[in-house]
Amino acid sequence: MADLQDDLRPTAAAGEVDDLSESYPDEAAMAAEAAEPYEPVSDPDDAPMARAHAVLAAHPVADGYNGLPQALKRLSYYDLEEGESTVATDVPRLRRGHVGALFWSLHLPEGLDGDRAVGATLEQLDLARTVARTCSEGLRQASTAGQVADARNCGRVAVLLGPAGAAAVGDSLGILRQLHLLGLRVLTLTGVSWASDAGLTRFGEEVVREMNRIGVIADLSGASAPTARRVLSLSRAPVLFSRSAARAMRPHPVNLPDDLLAELGAAKGLCLVPLTAEQTGPTVRDVADHLDHIRGVAGAHCVGLSGTYDSGSAHPQELGDTSCYPRLIAELLRRGWDEADVALVTWGNVQRVLCGADFTARAAQQRREPSTATISELDG
């Protein structure tokens, strides 16, 4: 069994990559490049929409939640590369919206657990990998920050697999590792006995340590406050909330209160604001209000975007599909956001979290062997 006393450093340390720079020069160079002063890519006198397209051309959207694989299961035929009107996501609209990366949700219908949840998640992974492979002119599966950048440089939209629900792990760290080998990169820590309203159990803590060791990012959207706070204090890698806006602006249960937003900002985590009418409101301005608020409470380094397209959610006016991101970015520029902060929201913050997960995993693998802990041993 792995040493359960091998506590990991606080999340904030995940951004400190100096200790790893000698061993991993490529990643260190990426981090150094991200820290360089931002050079404006458009003229402030240009109209907001023209500026939005210019900024997005240089810093495309990394969309933190997209439900396309599940939506495609209902179709007998589709053509994502030429355009597919029956869904909100296809390659032409991704390109019009300047989307450079997508996280594909592997969340399951309510009520699945145990072996059924594991099997259904494997089927979703297989479908997602098949879709990415058959749409190779527009999409490319990626697992790391470097692969995401490579896909963008080749004119492809990077596809990252996850989040999946914690039930997919089946209370087994071995299954977690195998899901990671198949491409899973984000796991939502809700809906299981070891990550409940009461918080993390001892086994839940070991799951987080093993996620850090292999490079699976913790998603805390929908998690209880005790679970979220324990993960924030335990995880050495940055964490994210894949679909959470500001509760002060709209009292939805998945949205975050200001005190938790402040803790997330201090831990260098990431809040991906969903473009859903239910959580953010019915207009582009409402979404921008949430982004304004979270930036003010947690900092510009803590904000990102989560389209939630093809997940069954209703979207704000003018944000009906993946081509609509320039409208939101234009609204931010009208409000006086500087281009450096916009670039963080669209691309930079997600890349930072991916880099942090990569760094943490490589360092942890030098110190820890794969954990053999079981839920019966730790939780009884």
Protein backbone atom coordinates (compact mmCIF):
# COMPACT_ATOMS: atom_id res chain seq x y z
CA MET A 1 0.00 0.00 0.00
CA ALA A 2 1.22 3.51 -0.74
CA ASP A 3 2.29 5.53 2.27
CA LEU A 4 -0.90 7.21 3.44
CA GLN A 5 1.16 9.65 5.48
CA ASP A 6 2.75 11.01 2.31
CA ASP A 7 0.68 14.16 2.46
CA LEU A 8 0.79 16.37 -0.57
CA ARG A 9 1.60 20.02 -0.48
CA PRO A 10 -1.23 22.59 -0.73
CA THR A 11 -2.72 23.27 -4.14
CA ALA A 12 -1.10 26.68 -4.37
CA ALA A 13 2.26 24.99 -4.72
CA ALA A 14 1.20 23.46 -8.02
CA GLY A 15 2.02 26.68 -9.79
CA GLU A 16 5.55 26.72 -8.41
CA VAL A 17 7.43 24.81 -11.06
CA ASP A 18 10.99 25.98 -10.36
CA ASP A 19 11.91 22.68 -8.70
CA LEU A 20 10.91 20.82 -11.85
CA SER A 21 12.41 23.14 -14.44
CA GLU A 22 15.73 21.32 -14.63
CA SER A 23 14.12 17.89 -15.08
CA TYR A 24 11.34 18.96 -17.44
CA PRO A 25 12.66 21.84 -19.57
CA ASP A 26 9.85 21.78 -22.13
CA GLU A 27 7.10 22.27 -19.57
CA ALA A 28 9.16 24.84 -17.68
CA ALA A 29 9.62 26.80 -20.91
CA MET A 30 5.86 26.73 -21.48
CA ALA A 31 5.25 28.08 -18.00
CA ALA A 32 7.87 30.79 -18.48
CA GLU A 33 6.32 31.78 -21.80
CA ALA A 34 2.89 32.06 -20.18
CA ALA A 35 4.38 34.42 -17.59
CA GLU A 36 5.82 36.84 -20.16
CA PRO A 37 4.18 40.29 -20.50
CA TYR A 38 1.09 40.16 -22.68
CA GLU A 39 1.37 41.81 -26.08
CA PRO A 40 -1.95 43.27 -27.38
CA VAL A 41 -3.15 41.64 -30.58
CA SER A 42 -5.72 44.22 -31.64
CA ASP A 43 -6.20 47.97 -31.82
CA PRO A 44 -8.21 49.39 -28.89
CA ASP A 45 -9.97 51.68 -31.37
CA ASP A 46 -11.42 48.73 -33.28
CA ALA A 47 -15.06 47.83 -32.70
CA PRO A 48 -15.53 45.25 -29.91
CA MET A 49 -16.54 42.41 -32.25
CA ALA A 50 -13.51 42.93 -34.47
CA ARG A 51 -11.28 43.02 -31.39
CA ALA A 52 -12.96 39.87 -30.06
CA HIS A 53 -12.15 37.94 -33.23
CA ALA A 54 -8.55 39.20 -33.14
CA VAL A 55 -8.04 38.18 -29.51
CA LEU A 56 -9.67 34.77 -30.05
CA ALA A 57 -7.55 34.12 -33.12
CA ALA A 58 -4.49 34.36 -30.89
CA HIS A 59 -6.05 32.92 -27.72
CA PRO A 60 -8.90 30.55 -28.63
CA VAL A 61 -11.51 29.20 -26.25
CA ALA A 62 -10.77 26.13 -24.16
CA ASP A 63 -14.35 24.99 -23.48
CA GLY A 64 -14.54 23.17 -20.15
CA TYR A 65 -17.68 21.07 -20.68
CA ASN A 66 -19.33 19.73 -23.82
CA GLY A 67 -21.86 16.90 -24.05
CA LEU A 68 -21.43 15.96 -27.71
CA PRO A 69 -20.58 12.23 -27.30
CA GLN A 70 -23.81 11.54 -25.42
CA ALA A 71 -25.82 13.62 -27.92
CA LEU A 72 -24.39 11.67 -30.86
CA LYS A 73 -25.61 8.38 -29.38
CA ARG A 74 -29.13 9.44 -30.34
CA LEU A 75 -28.25 9.93 -34.02
CA SER A 76 -28.06 7.22 -36.65
CA TYR A 77 -25.85 9.39 -38.88
CA TYR A 78 -23.89 12.61 -38.44
CA ASP A 79 -21.20 14.61 -40.21
CA LEU A 80 -19.33 16.85 -37.81
CA GLU A 81 -16.70 17.98 -40.29
CA GLU A 82 -19.15 19.29 -42.90
CA GLY A 83 -21.67 20.53 -40.32
CA GLU A 84 -24.37 18.86 -38.24
CA SER A 85 -27.55 20.84 -37.59
CA THR A 86 -28.98 18.36 -35.08
CA VAL A 87 -26.37 19.28 -32.44
CA ALA A 88 -24.84 22.54 -31.23
CA THR A 89 -21.24 21.41 -31.81
CA ASP A 90 -19.57 20.68 -35.13
CA VAL A 91 -16.25 21.55 -36.71
CA PRO A 92 -17.43 24.56 -38.80
CA ARG A 93 -19.08 26.19 -35.79
CA LEU A 94 -16.12 25.41 -33.54
CA ARG A 95 -13.92 27.23 -36.00
CA ARG A 96 -16.28 30.20 -36.30
CA GLY A 97 -16.35 30.40 -32.52
CA HIS A 98 -12.53 30.17 -32.29
CA VAL A 99 -12.70 27.09 -30.05
CA GLY A 100 -9.26 25.52 -29.66
CA ALA A 101 -10.00 22.82 -27.09
CA LEU A 102 -13.01 20.94 -25.71
CA PHE A 103 -13.54 18.83 -22.62
CA TRP A 104 -16.03 16.10 -23.56
CA SER A 105 -18.29 15.14 -20.69
CA LEU A 106 -18.57 11.44 -19.82
CA HIS A 107 -21.19 11.97 -17.12
CA LEU A 108 -23.79 9.22 -16.85
CA PRO A 109 -27.57 9.23 -16.43
CA GLU A 110 -28.82 9.31 -12.84
CA GLY A 111 -29.02 6.01 -11.03
CA LEU A 112 -26.06 4.18 -12.54
CA ASP A 113 -23.51 2.87 -10.05
CA GLY A 114 -21.19 -0.05 -9.47
CA ASP A 115 -20.33 -2.22 -12.46
CA ARG A 116 -23.01 -0.57 -14.58
CA ALA A 117 -21.38 2.84 -14.10
CA VAL A 118 -17.93 1.48 -14.95
CA GLY A 119 -19.22 -0.25 -18.09
CA ALA A 120 -21.22 2.76 -19.26
CA THR A 121 -18.19 5.04 -18.80
CA LEU A 122 -16.02 2.68 -20.84
CA GLU A 123 -18.62 2.77 -23.62
CA GLN A 124 -18.61 6.58 -23.52
CA LEU A 125 -14.82 6.66 -23.67
CA ASP A 126 -14.87 4.32 -26.66
CA LEU A 127 -17.45 6.48 -28.47
CA ALA A 128 -15.57 9.70 -27.77
CA ARG A 129 -12.26 8.27 -28.99
CA THR A 130 -13.97 6.94 -32.12
CA VAL A 131 -15.59 10.30 -32.91
CA ALA A 132 -12.29 12.14 -32.48
CA ARG A 133 -10.50 9.60 -34.68
CA THR A 134 -13.08 9.66 -37.49
CA CYS A 135 -13.13 13.49 -37.51
CA SER A 136 -9.36 13.73 -37.77
CA GLU A 137 -9.41 16.72 -40.13
CA GLY A 138 -11.03 18.86 -37.46
CA LEU A 139 -10.49 17.15 -34.11
CA ARG A 140 -7.56 15.58 -32.30
CA GLN A 141 -7.61 13.78 -28.97
CA ALA A 142 -5.18 15.26 -26.45
CA SER A 143 -4.14 14.40 -22.91
CA THR A 144 -1.62 17.06 -21.85
CA ALA A 145 -1.07 20.78 -22.19
CA GLY A 146 1.62 20.13 -24.79
CA GLN A 147 -0.68 17.94 -26.89
CA VAL A 148 -3.40 20.60 -26.69
CA ALA A 149 -0.96 23.19 -28.01
CA ASP A 150 0.23 20.80 -30.74
CA ALA A 151 -3.35 20.19 -31.90
CA ARG A 152 -4.00 23.92 -32.10
CA ASN A 153 -0.78 24.50 -34.05
CA CYS A 154 -1.92 21.84 -36.54
CA GLY A 155 -5.28 23.53 -37.05
CA ARG A 156 -7.23 20.94 -35.05
CA VAL A 157 -9.55 21.32 -32.07
CA ALA A 158 -8.05 19.44 -29.12
CA VAL A 159 -10.44 17.01 -27.43
CA LEU A 160 -9.85 16.10 -23.77
CA LEU A 161 -11.91 13.32 -22.21
CA GLY A 162 -13.81 14.17 -19.05
CA PRO A 163 -15.20 15.01 -16.68
CA ALA A 164 -16.58 11.61 -15.74
CA GLY A 165 -18.54 10.91 -12.58
CA ALA A 166 -16.76 9.40 -9.58
CA ALA A 167 -19.04 6.34 -9.85
CA ALA A 168 -17.00 5.39 -12.93
CA VAL A 169 -14.11 4.45 -10.64
CA GLY A 170 -16.14 1.73 -8.97
CA ASP A 171 -14.34 2.25 -5.62
CA SER A 172 -11.11 0.94 -7.21
CA LEU A 173 -7.86 2.82 -7.71
CA GLY A 174 -6.90 0.24 -10.34
CA ILE A 175 -9.96 1.19 -12.40
CA LEU A 176 -9.03 4.87 -11.98
CA ARG A 177 -5.59 4.15 -13.42
CA GLN A 178 -7.03 2.20 -16.35
CA LEU A 179 -9.49 4.99 -17.16
CA HIS A 180 -6.55 7.39 -17.17
CA LEU A 181 -4.68 5.15 -19.61
CA LEU A 182 -7.74 5.27 -21.91
CA GLY A 183 -7.64 9.06 -21.86
CA LEU A 184 -9.71 10.25 -18.88
CA ARG A 185 -8.37 13.55 -17.57
CA VAL A 186 -11.07 14.95 -15.25
CA LEU A 187 -13.13 13.21 -12.52
CA THR A 188 -16.09 14.82 -10.71
CA LEU A 189 -15.97 14.03 -6.99
CA THR A 190 -19.66 13.62 -6.21
CA GLY A 191 -22.24 10.88 -5.88
CA VAL A 192 -20.15 8.24 -4.10
CA SER A 193 -19.74 7.14 -0.50
CA TRP A 194 -16.17 8.39 -0.27
CA ALA A 195 -17.00 11.93 -1.50
CA SER A 196 -20.37 12.82 0.00
CA ASP A 197 -22.12 15.64 1.84
CA ALA A 198 -20.00 14.76 4.86
CA GLY A 199 -16.76 15.26 2.92
CA LEU A 200 -13.95 12.93 1.89
CA THR A 201 -13.38 9.64 3.69
CA ARG A 202 -9.88 8.21 4.11
CA PHE A 203 -10.36 6.31 0.86
CA GLY A 204 -11.53 9.51 -0.82
CA GLU A 205 -8.34 11.22 0.26
CA GLU A 206 -6.32 8.37 -1.23
CA VAL A 207 -8.27 8.74 -4.49
CA VAL A 208 -7.24 12.41 -4.65
CA ARG A 209 -3.59 11.49 -4.00
CA GLU A 210 -3.69 8.89 -6.75
CA MET A 211 -5.37 11.36 -9.12
CA ASN A 212 -2.49 13.76 -8.45
CA ARG A 213 0.02 10.98 -9.07
CA ILE A 214 -1.34 10.02 -12.49
CA GLY A 215 -2.56 13.43 -13.69
CA VAL A 216 -6.36 13.26 -13.39
CA ILE A 217 -7.81 16.67 -12.44
CA ALA A 218 -10.40 16.93 -9.66
CA ASP A 219 -13.72 18.53 -10.68
CA LEU A 220 -15.72 19.85 -7.72
CA SER A 221 -18.87 21.18 -9.40
CA GLY A 222 -21.79 19.84 -7.37
CA ALA A 223 -19.52 18.60 -4.57
CA SER A 224 -20.43 19.39 -0.97
CA ALA A 225 -18.63 22.27 0.72
CA PRO A 226 -16.73 19.88 3.08
CA THR A 227 -15.58 17.79 0.10
CA ALA A 228 -14.55 20.86 -1.90
CA ARG A 229 -12.59 22.39 0.96
CA ARG A 230 -10.82 19.15 1.83
CA VAL A 231 -9.80 18.62 -1.79
CA LEU A 232 -8.55 22.21 -2.00
CA SER A 233 -6.35 21.66 1.05
CA LEU A 234 -5.16 18.18 0.03
CA SER A 235 -4.57 18.35 -3.70
CA ARG A 236 -1.14 19.36 -4.87
CA ALA A 237 -2.42 19.87 -8.43
CA PRO A 238 -4.86 22.65 -9.34
CA VAL A 239 -8.53 21.72 -9.16
CA LEU A 240 -11.46 23.04 -11.14
CA PHE A 241 -15.21 23.53 -10.99
CA SER A 242 -16.36 22.46 -14.46
CA ARG A 243 -19.81 24.13 -14.39
CA SER A 244 -20.13 26.70 -11.61
CA ALA A 245 -20.99 30.38 -11.69
CA ALA A 246 -21.36 32.94 -8.86
CA ARG A 247 -24.06 32.22 -6.28
CA ALA A 248 -24.10 35.90 -5.33
CA MET A 249 -25.39 36.65 -8.83
CA ARG A 250 -27.77 33.69 -9.16
CA PRO A 251 -28.65 31.31 -6.27
CA HIS A 252 -28.21 28.01 -8.06
CA PRO A 253 -26.96 25.13 -5.83
CA VAL A 254 -24.01 24.34 -8.12
CA ASN A 255 -22.89 27.98 -8.19
CA LEU A 256 -20.19 29.00 -5.71
CA PRO A 257 -20.48 31.36 -2.73
CA ASP A 258 -17.94 34.14 -2.46
CA ASP A 259 -16.01 32.58 0.41
CA LEU A 260 -15.39 29.39 -1.58
CA LEU A 261 -14.50 31.43 -4.67
CA ALA A 262 -11.90 33.28 -2.61
CA GLU A 263 -10.44 29.98 -1.38
CA LEU A 264 -10.35 28.67 -4.94
CA GLY A 265 -8.51 31.76 -6.11
CA ALA A 266 -5.96 31.45 -3.31
CA ALA A 267 -5.40 27.81 -4.28
CA LYS A 268 -4.85 28.74 -7.95
CA GLY A 269 -7.86 26.66 -9.01
CA LEU A 270 -10.28 27.39 -11.81
CA CYS A 271 -14.00 28.17 -11.98
CA LEU A 272 -15.45 27.43 -15.44
CA VAL A 273 -18.59 29.53 -15.87
CA PRO A 274 -21.38 27.64 -17.69
CA LEU A 275 -23.26 29.28 -20.54
CA THR A 276 -26.65 28.10 -19.29
CA ALA A 277 -29.72 30.22 -18.69
CA GLU A 278 -30.44 28.31 -15.48
CA GLN A 279 -27.11 29.05 -13.80
CA THR A 280 -26.04 32.36 -15.29
CA GLY A 281 -29.16 34.01 -16.70
CA PRO A 282 -30.90 34.54 -20.04
CA THR A 283 -28.56 37.04 -21.74
CA VAL A 284 -24.94 37.55 -22.73
CA ARG A 285 -24.80 40.39 -20.22
CA ASP A 286 -25.80 38.03 -17.40
CA VAL A 287 -22.91 35.69 -18.25
CA ALA A 288 -20.52 38.65 -18.33
CA ASP A 289 -21.83 39.74 -14.92
CA HIS A 290 -20.77 36.37 -13.46
CA LEU A 291 -17.35 36.63 -15.08
CA ASP A 292 -16.96 40.16 -13.68
CA HIS A 293 -17.93 39.01 -10.21
CA ILE A 294 -15.68 35.94 -10.10
CA ARG A 295 -12.73 37.92 -11.44
CA GLY A 296 -13.29 40.48 -8.67
CA VAL A 297 -13.53 37.88 -5.89
CA ALA A 298 -11.05 35.20 -6.99
CA GLY A 299 -8.86 36.93 -9.57
CA ALA A 300 -8.50 36.78 -13.34
CA HIS A 301 -6.41 33.60 -13.02
CA CYS A 302 -9.44 31.76 -11.60
CA VAL A 303 -12.00 32.24 -14.41
CA GLY A 304 -12.74 30.16 -17.50
CA LEU A 305 -15.61 29.19 -19.79
CA SER A 306 -17.80 26.11 -19.93
CA GLY A 307 -20.17 26.09 -22.89
CA THR A 308 -22.19 23.04 -21.72
CA TYR A 309 -23.37 22.68 -25.31
CA ASP A 310 -25.17 19.44 -26.24
CA SER A 311 -25.71 18.64 -22.57
CA GLY A 312 -29.46 19.30 -22.55
CA SER A 313 -29.22 22.81 -21.06
CA ALA A 314 -30.93 25.94 -22.35
CA HIS A 315 -28.49 28.69 -23.29
CA PRO A 316 -28.60 32.48 -22.99
CA GLN A 317 -29.76 34.57 -25.93
CA GLU A 318 -27.09 34.99 -28.62
CA LEU A 319 -25.09 32.07 -27.17
CA GLY A 320 -26.99 29.18 -28.73
CA ASP A 321 -24.07 27.14 -30.10
CA THR A 322 -20.29 26.89 -30.17
CA SER A 323 -19.93 29.57 -32.84
CA CYS A 324 -21.15 32.28 -30.46
CA TYR A 325 -18.13 32.86 -28.23
CA PRO A 326 -17.06 36.09 -30.03
CA ARG A 327 -20.31 37.71 -28.83
CA LEU A 328 -19.40 37.04 -25.21
CA ILE A 329 -15.81 38.20 -25.64
CA ALA A 330 -17.04 41.39 -27.35
CA GLU A 331 -19.25 42.07 -24.32
CA LEU A 332 -16.25 41.72 -21.98
CA LEU A 333 -14.22 44.11 -24.12
CA ARG A 334 -17.08 46.63 -24.07
CA ARG A 335 -16.91 46.48 -20.29
CA GLY A 336 -13.27 47.44 -20.30
CA TRP A 337 -11.63 44.05 -19.82
CA ASP A 338 -8.06 44.23 -21.02
CA GLU A 339 -6.98 41.67 -23.58
CA ALA A 340 -4.56 40.00 -21.18
CA ASP A 341 -7.40 39.03 -18.84
CA VAL A 342 -9.57 37.89 -21.75
CA ALA A 343 -6.72 35.68 -22.94
CA LEU A 344 -6.55 34.07 -19.51
CA VAL A 345 -10.29 33.39 -19.47
CA THR A 346 -10.36 31.86 -22.93
CA TRP A 347 -7.13 29.85 -23.06
CA GLY A 348 -4.41 30.64 -20.54
CA ASN A 349 -6.08 29.46 -17.34
CA VAL A 350 -7.02 26.05 -18.69
CA GLN A 351 -3.50 25.56 -20.05
CA ARG A 352 -2.10 26.51 -16.65
CA VAL A 353 -4.25 23.90 -14.90
CA LEU A 354 -3.27 21.24 -17.44
CA CYS A 355 0.41 22.12 -16.99
CA GLY A 356 -0.02 21.98 -13.21
CA ALA A 357 -1.54 18.51 -13.42
CA ASP A 358 1.32 17.34 -15.67
CA PHE A 359 4.02 18.76 -13.37
CA THR A 360 2.43 17.33 -10.25
CA ALA A 361 2.06 13.86 -11.75
CA ARG A 362 5.68 13.67 -12.90
CA ALA A 363 6.97 14.77 -9.52
CA ALA A 364 4.62 12.48 -7.57
CA GLN A 365 5.60 9.45 -9.64
CA GLN A 366 9.18 9.92 -8.44
CA ARG A 367 8.02 9.69 -4.82
CA ARG A 368 5.06 7.30 -4.82
CA GLU A 369 4.31 3.90 -6.26
CA PRO A 370 0.75 3.18 -7.46
CA SER A 371 -1.51 2.91 -4.45
CA THR A 372 -2.89 -0.53 -3.58
CA ALA A 373 -5.30 0.81 -0.96
CA THR A 374 -8.89 -0.46 -0.97
CA ILE A 375 -12.06 1.11 0.34
CA SER A 376 -12.60 -1.77 2.78
CA GLU A 377 -9.13 -1.28 4.27
CA LEU A 378 -9.49 2.48 4.74
CA ASP A 379 -13.20 3.04 5.34
CA GLY A 380 -14.21 -0.33 6.81
